[in-house]
Amino acid sequence: MALSRRMAASTLLLLVLLVATEMGATTTKTAEARDCLSQSHKFKGACLSSSNCAGVCRTENFPDGECHTQHFERKCFCKRVC
C-alpha cells in the first residue's frame, strides 16, 4: 500500500513538473532587434527615393537607409541594427 502511494506521488510530481516546464516554454519572450537611425551627412536635397538614400548611407558605412518626413521635409536617414 505504501509503495503504491509513493508511486502515485512520484508520478503526480513528475506530471506537475512536465506541465510547468511546458508552460514556461510557451511564455518565453525573444528579444527583437531595434533599428537605430542617423540623419545622413552626405545626402543633398529632398529624399524622394529610399534606394538612393540607402546608396548614400552605404558610403557612410551604414548597411541601409530610408526617407523620412521631418519638419515637413523628406530627409535621408541611415539605418543599422543597434
PDB file of N, CA and C in Angstrom:
ATOM      1  N   MET A   1       0.816  -1.186   0.000  1.00  0.00           N
ATOM      2  CA  MET A   1       0.000   0.000   0.000  1.00  0.00           C
ATOM      3  C   MET A   1       0.868   1.261   0.000  1.00  0.00           C
ATOM      4  N   ALA A   2       1.922   1.271   0.840  1.00  0.00           N
ATOM      5  CA  ALA A   2       2.816   2.428   0.914  1.00  0.00           C
ATOM      6  C   ALA A   2       3.570   2.609  -0.394  1.00  0.00           C
ATOM      7  N   LEU A   3       3.911   1.510  -1.049  1.00  0.00           N
ATOM      8  CA  LEU A   3       4.629   1.578  -2.314  1.00  0.00           C
ATOM      9  C   LEU A   3       3.763   2.214  -3.400  1.00  0.00           C
ATOM     10  N   SER A   4       2.495   1.901  -3.441  1.00  0.00           N
ATOM     11  CA  SER A   4       1.618   2.466  -4.469  1.00  0.00           C
ATOM     12  C   SER A   4       1.373   3.963  -4.225  1.00  0.00           C
ATOM     13  N   ARG A   5       1.340   4.390  -2.955  1.00  0.00           N
ATOM     14  CA  ARG A   5       1.199   5.819  -2.645  1.00  0.00           C
ATOM     15  C   ARG A   5       2.439   6.581  -3.079  1.00  0.00           C
ATOM     16  N   ARG A   6       3.614   5.998  -2.844  1.00  0.00           N
ATOM     17  CA  ARG A   6       4.863   6.638  -3.281  1.00  0.00           C
ATOM     18  C   ARG A   6       4.897   6.740  -4.797  1.00  0.00           C
ATOM     19  N   MET A   7       4.474   5.691  -5.452  1.00  0.00           N
ATOM     20  CA  MET A   7       4.480   5.675  -6.915  1.00  0.00           C
ATOM     21  C   MET A   7       3.509   6.731  -7.454  1.00  0.00           C
ATOM     22  N   ALA A   8       2.351   6.845  -6.848  1.00  0.00           N
ATOM     23  CA  ALA A   8       1.363   7.830  -7.279  1.00  0.00           C
ATOM     24  C   ALA A   8       1.873   9.247  -7.026  1.00  0.00           C
ATOM     25  N   ALA A   9       2.502   9.477  -5.876  1.00  0.00           N
ATOM     26  CA  ALA A   9       3.038  10.795  -5.547  1.00  0.00           C
ATOM     27  C   ALA A   9       4.167  11.169  -6.517  1.00  0.00           C
ATOM     28  N   SER A  10       5.028  10.221  -6.819  1.00  0.00           N
ATOM     29  CA  SER A  10       6.127  10.471  -7.747  1.00  0.00           C
ATOM     30  C   SER A  10       5.607  10.773  -9.150  1.00  0.00           C
ATOM     31  N   THR A  11       4.611  10.031  -9.585  1.00  0.00           N
ATOM     32  CA  THR A  11       4.019  10.256 -10.907  1.00  0.00           C
ATOM     33  C   THR A  11       3.354  11.623 -10.971  1.00  0.00           C
ATOM     34  N   LEU A  12       2.629  11.988  -9.925  1.00  0.00           N
ATOM     35  CA  LEU A  12       1.972  13.286  -9.880  1.00  0.00           C
ATOM     36  C   LEU A  12       3.001  14.420  -9.902  1.00  0.00           C
ATOM     37  N   LEU A  13       4.076  14.281  -9.144  1.00  0.00           N
ATOM     38  CA  LEU A  13       5.136  15.288  -9.123  1.00  0.00           C
ATOM     39  C   LEU A  13       5.779  15.433 -10.502  1.00  0.00           C
ATOM     40  N   LEU A  14       6.056  14.325 -11.154  1.00  0.00           N
ATOM     41  CA  LEU A  14       6.635  14.347 -12.492  1.00  0.00           C
ATOM     42  C   LEU A  14       5.699  15.024 -13.485  1.00  0.00           C
ATOM     43  N   LEU A  15       4.418  14.751 -13.385  1.00  0.00           N
ATOM     44  CA  LEU A  15       3.426  15.361 -14.270  1.00  0.00           C
ATOM     45  C   LEU A  15       3.353  16.873 -14.053  1.00  0.00           C
ATOM     46  N   VAL A  16       3.367  17.312 -12.793  1.00  0.00           N
ATOM     47  CA  VAL A  16       3.324  18.749 -12.484  1.00  0.00           C
ATOM     48  C   VAL A  16       4.574  19.443 -13.029  1.00  0.00           C
ATOM     49  N   LEU A  17       5.741  18.841 -12.873  1.00  0.00           N
ATOM     50  CA  LEU A  17       6.972  19.426 -13.400  1.00  0.00           C
ATOM     51  C   LEU A  17       6.948  19.520 -14.924  1.00  0.00           C
ATOM     52  N   LEU A  18       6.429  18.498 -15.563  1.00  0.00           N
ATOM     53  CA  LEU A  18       6.343  18.491 -17.016  1.00  0.00           C
ATOM     54  C   LEU A  18       5.423  19.602 -17.509  1.00  0.00           C
ATOM     55  N   VAL A  19       4.273  19.756 -16.879  1.00  0.00           N
ATOM     56  CA  VAL A  19       3.331  20.806 -17.266  1.00  0.00           C
ATOM     57  C   VAL A  19       3.940  22.186 -17.002  1.00  0.00           C
ATOM     58  N   ALA A  20       4.634  22.353 -15.894  1.00  0.00           N
ATOM     59  CA  ALA A  20       5.237  23.646 -15.561  1.00  0.00           C
ATOM     60  C   ALA A  20       6.315  24.036 -16.565  1.00  0.00           C
ATOM     61  N   THR A  21       7.125  23.097 -17.007  1.00  0.00           N
ATOM     62  CA  THR A  21       8.171  23.429 -17.979  1.00  0.00           C
ATOM     63  C   THR A  21       7.572  23.736 -19.337  1.00  0.00           C
ATOM     64  N   GLU A  22       6.497  23.063 -19.711  1.00  0.00           N
ATOM     65  CA  GLU A  22       5.827  23.355 -20.982  1.00  0.00           C
ATOM     66  C   GLU A  22       5.194  24.734 -20.952  1.00  0.00           C
ATOM     67  N   MET A  23       4.613  25.117 -19.834  1.00  0.00           N
ATOM     68  CA  MET A  23       4.007  26.442 -19.728  1.00  0.00           C
ATOM     69  C   MET A  23       5.068  27.518 -19.783  1.00  0.00           C
ATOM     70  N   GLY A  24       6.206  27.290 -19.170  1.00  0.00           N
ATOM     71  CA  GLY A  24       7.296  28.265 -19.196  1.00  0.00           C
ATOM     72  C   GLY A  24       7.868  28.434 -20.588  1.00  0.00           C
ATOM     73  N   ALA A  25       7.897  27.372 -21.363  1.00  0.00           N
ATOM     74  CA  ALA A  25       8.464  27.444 -22.707  1.00  0.00           C
ATOM     75  C   ALA A  25       7.580  28.263 -23.640  1.00  0.00           C
ATOM     76  N   THR A  26       6.281  28.256 -23.432  1.00  0.00           N
ATOM     77  CA  THR A  26       5.396  28.995 -24.326  1.00  0.00           C
ATOM     78  C   THR A  26       5.335  30.473 -23.985  1.00  0.00           C
ATOM     79  N   THR A  27       5.710  30.863 -22.785  1.00  0.00           N
ATOM     80  CA  THR A  27       5.649  32.268 -22.410  1.00  0.00           C
ATOM     81  C   THR A  27       6.999  32.955 -22.496  1.00  0.00           C
ATOM     82  N   THR A  28       8.011  32.281 -22.985  1.00  0.00           N
ATOM     83  CA  THR A  28       9.327  32.883 -23.107  1.00  0.00           C
ATOM     84  C   THR A  28       9.318  33.919 -24.217  1.00  0.00           C
ATOM     85  N   LYS A  29       9.805  35.109 -23.928  1.00  0.00           N
ATOM     86  CA  LYS A  29       9.851  36.179 -24.912  1.00  0.00           C
ATOM     87  C   LYS A  29      11.230  36.218 -25.558  1.00  0.00           C
ATOM     88  N   THR A  30      11.237  36.513 -26.846  1.00  0.00           N
ATOM     89  CA  THR A  30      12.508  36.651 -27.538  1.00  0.00           C
ATOM     90  C   THR A  30      12.789  38.127 -27.759  1.00  0.00           C
ATOM     91  N   ALA A  31      14.046  38.463 -27.747  1.00  0.00           N
ATOM     92  CA  ALA A  31      14.442  39.852 -27.973  1.00  0.00           C
ATOM     93  C   ALA A  31      14.372  40.164 -29.458  1.00  0.00           C
ATOM     94  N   GLU A  32      13.841  41.331 -29.773  1.00  0.00           N
ATOM     95  CA  GLU A  32      13.769  41.754 -31.150  1.00  0.00           C
ATOM     96  C   GLU A  32      14.827  42.819 -31.392  1.00  0.00           C
ATOM     97  N   ALA A  33      15.429  42.774 -32.569  1.00  0.00           N
ATOM     98  CA  ALA A  33      16.444  43.749 -32.915  1.00  0.00           C
ATOM     99  C   ALA A  33      15.786  45.109 -33.141  1.00  0.00           C
ATOM    100  N   ARG A  34      16.461  46.144 -32.712  1.00  0.00           N
ATOM    101  CA  ARG A  34      15.978  47.509 -32.889  1.00  0.00           C
ATOM    102  C   ARG A  34      16.820  48.192 -33.946  1.00  0.00           C
ATOM    103  N   ASP A  35      16.206  49.041 -34.741  1.00  0.00           N
ATOM    104  CA  ASP A  35      16.940  49.820 -35.720  1.00  0.00           C
ATOM    105  C   ASP A  35      17.249  51.193 -35.154  1.00  0.00           C
ATOM    106  N   CYS A  36      18.505  51.635 -35.328  1.00  0.00           N
ATOM    107  CA  CYS A  36      18.904  52.983 -34.948  1.00  0.00           C
ATOM    108  C   CYS A  36      19.010  53.817 -36.211  1.00  0.00           C
ATOM    109  N   LEU A  37      18.482  55.035 -36.167  1.00  0.00           N
ATOM    110  CA  LEU A  37      18.504  55.925 -37.315  1.00  0.00           C
ATOM    111  C   LEU A  37      19.428  57.100 -37.039  1.00  0.00           C
ATOM    112  N   SER A  38      20.133  57.532 -38.081  1.00  0.00           N
ATOM    113  CA  SER A  38      21.002  58.697 -38.007  1.00  0.00           C
ATOM    114  C   SER A  38      20.866  59.460 -39.315  1.00  0.00           C
ATOM    115  N   GLN A  39      20.629  60.757 -39.234  1.00  0.00           N
ATOM    116  CA  GLN A  39      20.459  61.536 -40.456  1.00  0.00           C
ATOM    117  C   GLN A  39      21.752  61.534 -41.255  1.00  0.00           C
ATOM    118  N   SER A  40      21.619  61.326 -42.543  1.00  0.00           N
ATOM    119  CA  SER A  40      22.779  61.288 -43.432  1.00  0.00           C
ATOM    120  C   SER A  40      23.461  62.652 -43.483  1.00  0.00           C
ATOM    121  N   HIS A  41      24.786  62.633 -43.496  1.00  0.00           N
ATOM    122  CA  HIS A  41      25.565  63.866 -43.597  1.00  0.00           C
ATOM    123  C   HIS A  41      25.913  64.187 -45.052  1.00  0.00           C
ATOM    124  N   LYS A  42      25.857  63.188 -45.923  1.00  0.00           N
ATOM    125  CA  LYS A  42      26.271  63.379 -47.310  1.00  0.00           C
ATOM    126  C   LYS A  42      25.112  63.545 -48.285  1.00  0.00           C
ATOM    127  N   PHE A  43      23.886  63.159 -47.909  1.00  0.00           N
ATOM    128  CA  PHE A  43      22.749  63.233 -48.820  1.00  0.00           C
ATOM    129  C   PHE A  43      22.336  64.690 -48.995  1.00  0.00           C
ATOM    130  N   LYS A  44      22.188  65.120 -50.249  1.00  0.00           N
ATOM    131  CA  LYS A  44      21.815  66.511 -50.552  1.00  0.00           C
ATOM    132  C   LYS A  44      20.435  66.550 -51.186  1.00  0.00           C
ATOM    133  N   GLY A  45      19.617  67.515 -50.825  1.00  0.00           N
ATOM    134  CA  GLY A  45      18.307  67.705 -51.414  1.00  0.00           C
ATOM    135  C   GLY A  45      17.227  66.916 -50.700  1.00  0.00           C
ATOM    136  N   ALA A  46      16.026  66.967 -51.297  1.00  0.00           N
ATOM    137  CA  ALA A  46      14.891  66.238 -50.731  1.00  0.00           C
ATOM    138  C   ALA A  46      15.046  64.746 -51.014  1.00  0.00           C
ATOM    139  N   CYS A  47      14.704  63.939 -50.054  1.00  0.00           N
ATOM    140  CA  CYS A  47      14.812  62.484 -50.207  1.00  0.00           C
ATOM    141  C   CYS A  47      13.529  61.965 -50.844  1.00  0.00           C
ATOM    142  N   LEU A  48      13.613  61.603 -52.113  1.00  0.00           N
ATOM    143  CA  LEU A  48      12.455  61.107 -52.839  1.00  0.00           C
ATOM    144  C   LEU A  48      12.528  59.615 -53.094  1.00  0.00           C
ATOM    145  N   SER A  49      13.728  59.045 -52.994  1.00  0.00           N
ATOM    146  CA  SER A  49      13.914  57.626 -53.279  1.00  0.00           C
ATOM    147  C   SER A  49      14.720  56.977 -52.158  1.00  0.00           C
ATOM    148  N   SER A  50      14.113  56.005 -51.491  1.00  0.00           N
ATOM    149  CA  SER A  50      14.830  55.313 -50.414  1.00  0.00           C
ATOM    150  C   SER A  50      16.016  54.517 -50.940  1.00  0.00           C
ATOM    151  N   SER A  51      15.963  54.082 -52.201  1.00  0.00           N
ATOM    152  CA  SER A  51      17.105  53.336 -52.740  1.00  0.00           C
ATOM    153  C   SER A  51      18.308  54.264 -52.940  1.00  0.00           C
ATOM    154  N   ASN A  52      18.074  55.510 -53.364  1.00  0.00           N
ATOM    155  CA  ASN A  52      19.182  56.475 -53.463  1.00  0.00           C
ATOM    156  C   ASN A  52      19.734  56.789 -52.077  1.00  0.00           C
ATOM    157  N   CYS A  53      18.844  56.947 -51.121  1.00  0.00           N
ATOM    158  CA  CYS A  53      19.250  57.210 -49.736  1.00  0.00           C
ATOM    159  C   CYS A  53      20.107  56.062 -49.211  1.00  0.00           C
ATOM    160  N   ALA A  54      19.680  54.825 -49.460  1.00  0.00           N
ATOM    161  CA  ALA A  54      20.431  53.651 -48.988  1.00  0.00           C
ATOM    162  C   ALA A  54      21.825  53.614 -49.619  1.00  0.00           C
ATOM    163  N   GLY A  55      21.920  53.998 -50.896  1.00  0.00           N
ATOM    164  CA  GLY A  55      23.232  54.026 -51.559  1.00  0.00           C
ATOM    165  C   GLY A  55      24.175  55.031 -50.922  1.00  0.00           C
ATOM    166  N   VAL A  56      23.667  56.215 -50.585  1.00  0.00           N
ATOM    167  CA  VAL A  56      24.494  57.225 -49.919  1.00  0.00           C
ATOM    168  C   VAL A  56      24.874  56.737 -48.522  1.00  0.00           C
ATOM    169  N   CYS A  57      23.942  56.112 -47.828  1.00  0.00           N
ATOM    170  CA  CYS A  57      24.225  55.613 -46.473  1.00  0.00           C
ATOM    171  C   CYS A  57      25.310  54.539 -46.488  1.00  0.00           C
ATOM    172  N   ARG A  58      25.344  53.727 -47.539  1.00  0.00           N
ATOM    173  CA  ARG A  58      26.404  52.713 -47.633  1.00  0.00           C
ATOM    174  C   ARG A  58      27.779  53.371 -47.751  1.00  0.00           C
ATOM    175  N   THR A  59      27.859  54.561 -48.350  1.00  0.00           N
ATOM    176  CA  THR A  59      29.141  55.268 -48.413  1.00  0.00           C
ATOM    177  C   THR A  59      29.528  55.829 -47.045  1.00  0.00           C
ATOM    178  N   GLU A  60      28.555  55.920 -46.143  1.00  0.00           N
ATOM    179  CA  GLU A  60      28.800  56.388 -44.772  1.00  0.00           C
ATOM    180  C   GLU A  60      28.920  55.219 -43.794  1.00  0.00           C
ATOM    181  N   ASN A  61      29.145  54.015 -44.331  1.00  0.00           N
ATOM    182  CA  ASN A  61      29.339  52.796 -43.538  1.00  0.00           C
ATOM    183  C   ASN A  61      28.087  52.368 -42.761  1.00  0.00           C
ATOM    184  N   PHE A  62      26.912  52.599 -43.350  1.00  0.00           N
ATOM    185  CA  PHE A  62      25.665  52.089 -42.810  1.00  0.00           C
ATOM    186  C   PHE A  62      25.150  51.035 -43.780  1.00  0.00           C
ATOM    187  N   PRO A  63      24.500  49.990 -43.288  1.00  0.00           N
ATOM    188  CA  PRO A  63      24.012  48.945 -44.192  1.00  0.00           C
ATOM    189  C   PRO A  63      22.758  49.337 -44.982  1.00  0.00           C
ATOM    190  N   ASP A  64      22.000  50.344 -44.515  1.00  0.00           N
ATOM    191  CA  ASP A  64      20.747  50.682 -45.179  1.00  0.00           C
ATOM    192  C   ASP A  64      20.363  52.122 -44.876  1.00  0.00           C
ATOM    193  N   GLY A  65      19.391  52.622 -45.597  1.00  0.00           N
ATOM    194  CA  GLY A  65      18.881  53.968 -45.376  1.00  0.00           C
ATOM    195  C   GLY A  65      17.481  54.084 -45.934  1.00  0.00           C
ATOM    196  N   GLU A  66      16.725  55.062 -45.431  1.00  0.00           N
ATOM    197  CA  GLU A  66      15.367  55.268 -45.915  1.00  0.00           C
ATOM    198  C   GLU A  66      14.953  56.715 -45.706  1.00  0.00           C
ATOM    199  N   CYS A  67      13.989  57.159 -46.512  1.00  0.00           N
ATOM    200  CA  CYS A  67      13.482  58.527 -46.434  1.00  0.00           C
ATOM    201  C   CYS A  67      12.440  58.637 -45.324  1.00  0.00           C
ATOM    202  N   HIS A  68      12.519  59.737 -44.579  1.00  0.00           N
ATOM    203  CA  HIS A  68      11.535  60.031 -43.535  1.00  0.00           C
ATOM    204  C   HIS A  68      11.167  61.499 -43.618  1.00  0.00           C
ATOM    205  N   THR A  69       9.922  61.795 -43.252  1.00  0.00           N
ATOM    206  CA  THR A  69       9.485  63.187 -43.203  1.00  0.00           C
ATOM    207  C   THR A  69       9.786  63.738 -41.822  1.00  0.00           C
ATOM    208  N   GLN A  70      10.509  64.864 -41.816  1.00  0.00           N
ATOM    209  CA  GLN A  70      10.847  65.509 -40.550  1.00  0.00           C
ATOM    210  C   GLN A  70      10.655  67.013 -40.748  1.00  0.00           C
ATOM    211  N   HIS A  71       9.805  67.626 -39.958  1.00  0.00           N
ATOM    212  CA  HIS A  71       9.519  69.062 -40.072  1.00  0.00           C
ATOM    213  C   HIS A  71       9.093  69.419 -41.488  1.00  0.00           C
ATOM    214  N   PHE A  72       8.201  68.619 -42.040  1.00  0.00           N
ATOM    215  CA  PHE A  72       7.624  68.823 -43.370  1.00  0.00           C
ATOM    216  C   PHE A  72       8.645  68.702 -44.501  1.00  0.00           C
ATOM    217  N   GLU A  73       9.782  68.111 -44.243  1.00  0.00           N
ATOM    218  CA  GLU A  73      10.804  67.872 -45.264  1.00  0.00           C
ATOM    219  C   GLU A  73      11.109  66.386 -45.330  1.00  0.00           C
ATOM    220  N   ARG A  74      11.386  65.887 -46.537  1.00  0.00           N
ATOM    221  CA  ARG A  74      11.804  64.492 -46.710  1.00  0.00           C
ATOM    222  C   ARG A  74      13.310  64.449 -46.576  1.00  0.00           C
ATOM    223  N   LYS A  75      13.809  63.737 -45.558  1.00  0.00           N
ATOM    224  CA  LYS A  75      15.250  63.649 -45.310  1.00  0.00           C
ATOM    225  C   LYS A  75      15.688  62.188 -45.343  1.00  0.00           C
ATOM    226  N   CYS A  76      16.959  62.006 -45.628  1.00  0.00           N
ATOM    227  CA  CYS A  76      17.556  60.673 -45.684  1.00  0.00           C
ATOM    228  C   CYS A  76      18.110  60.296 -44.324  1.00  0.00           C
ATOM    229  N   PHE A  77      17.666  59.155 -43.818  1.00  0.00           N
ATOM    230  CA  PHE A  77      18.167  58.657 -42.545  1.00  0.00           C
ATOM    231  C   PHE A  77      18.834  57.308 -42.768  1.00  0.00           C
ATOM    232  N   CYS A  78      20.048  57.171 -42.266  1.00  0.00           N
ATOM    233  CA  CYS A  78      20.785  55.923 -42.366  1.00  0.00           C
ATOM    234  C   CYS A  78      20.362  55.023 -41.209  1.00  0.00           C
ATOM    235  N   LYS A  79      20.350  53.714 -41.490  1.00  0.00           N
ATOM    236  CA  LYS A  79      19.781  52.757 -40.539  1.00  0.00           C
ATOM    237  C   LYS A  79      20.748  51.617 -40.306  1.00  0.00           C
ATOM    238  N   ARG A  80      20.857  51.197 -39.037  1.00  0.00           N
ATOM    239  CA  ARG A  80      21.614  49.997 -38.667  1.00  0.00           C
ATOM    240  C   ARG A  80      20.991  49.371 -37.438  1.00  0.00           C
ATOM    241  N   VAL A  81      21.267  48.101 -37.230  1.00  0.00           N
ATOM    242  CA  VAL A  81      20.768  47.404 -36.044  1.00  0.00           C
ATOM    243  C   VAL A  81      21.574  47.878 -34.841  1.00  0.00           C
ATOM    244  N   CYS A  82      20.870  48.263 -33.793  1.00  0.00           N
ATOM    245  CA  CYS A  82      21.551  48.755 -32.568  1.00  0.00           C
ATOM    246  C   CYS A  82      22.258  47.626 -31.839  1.00  0.00           C
TER     247      CYS A  82
END
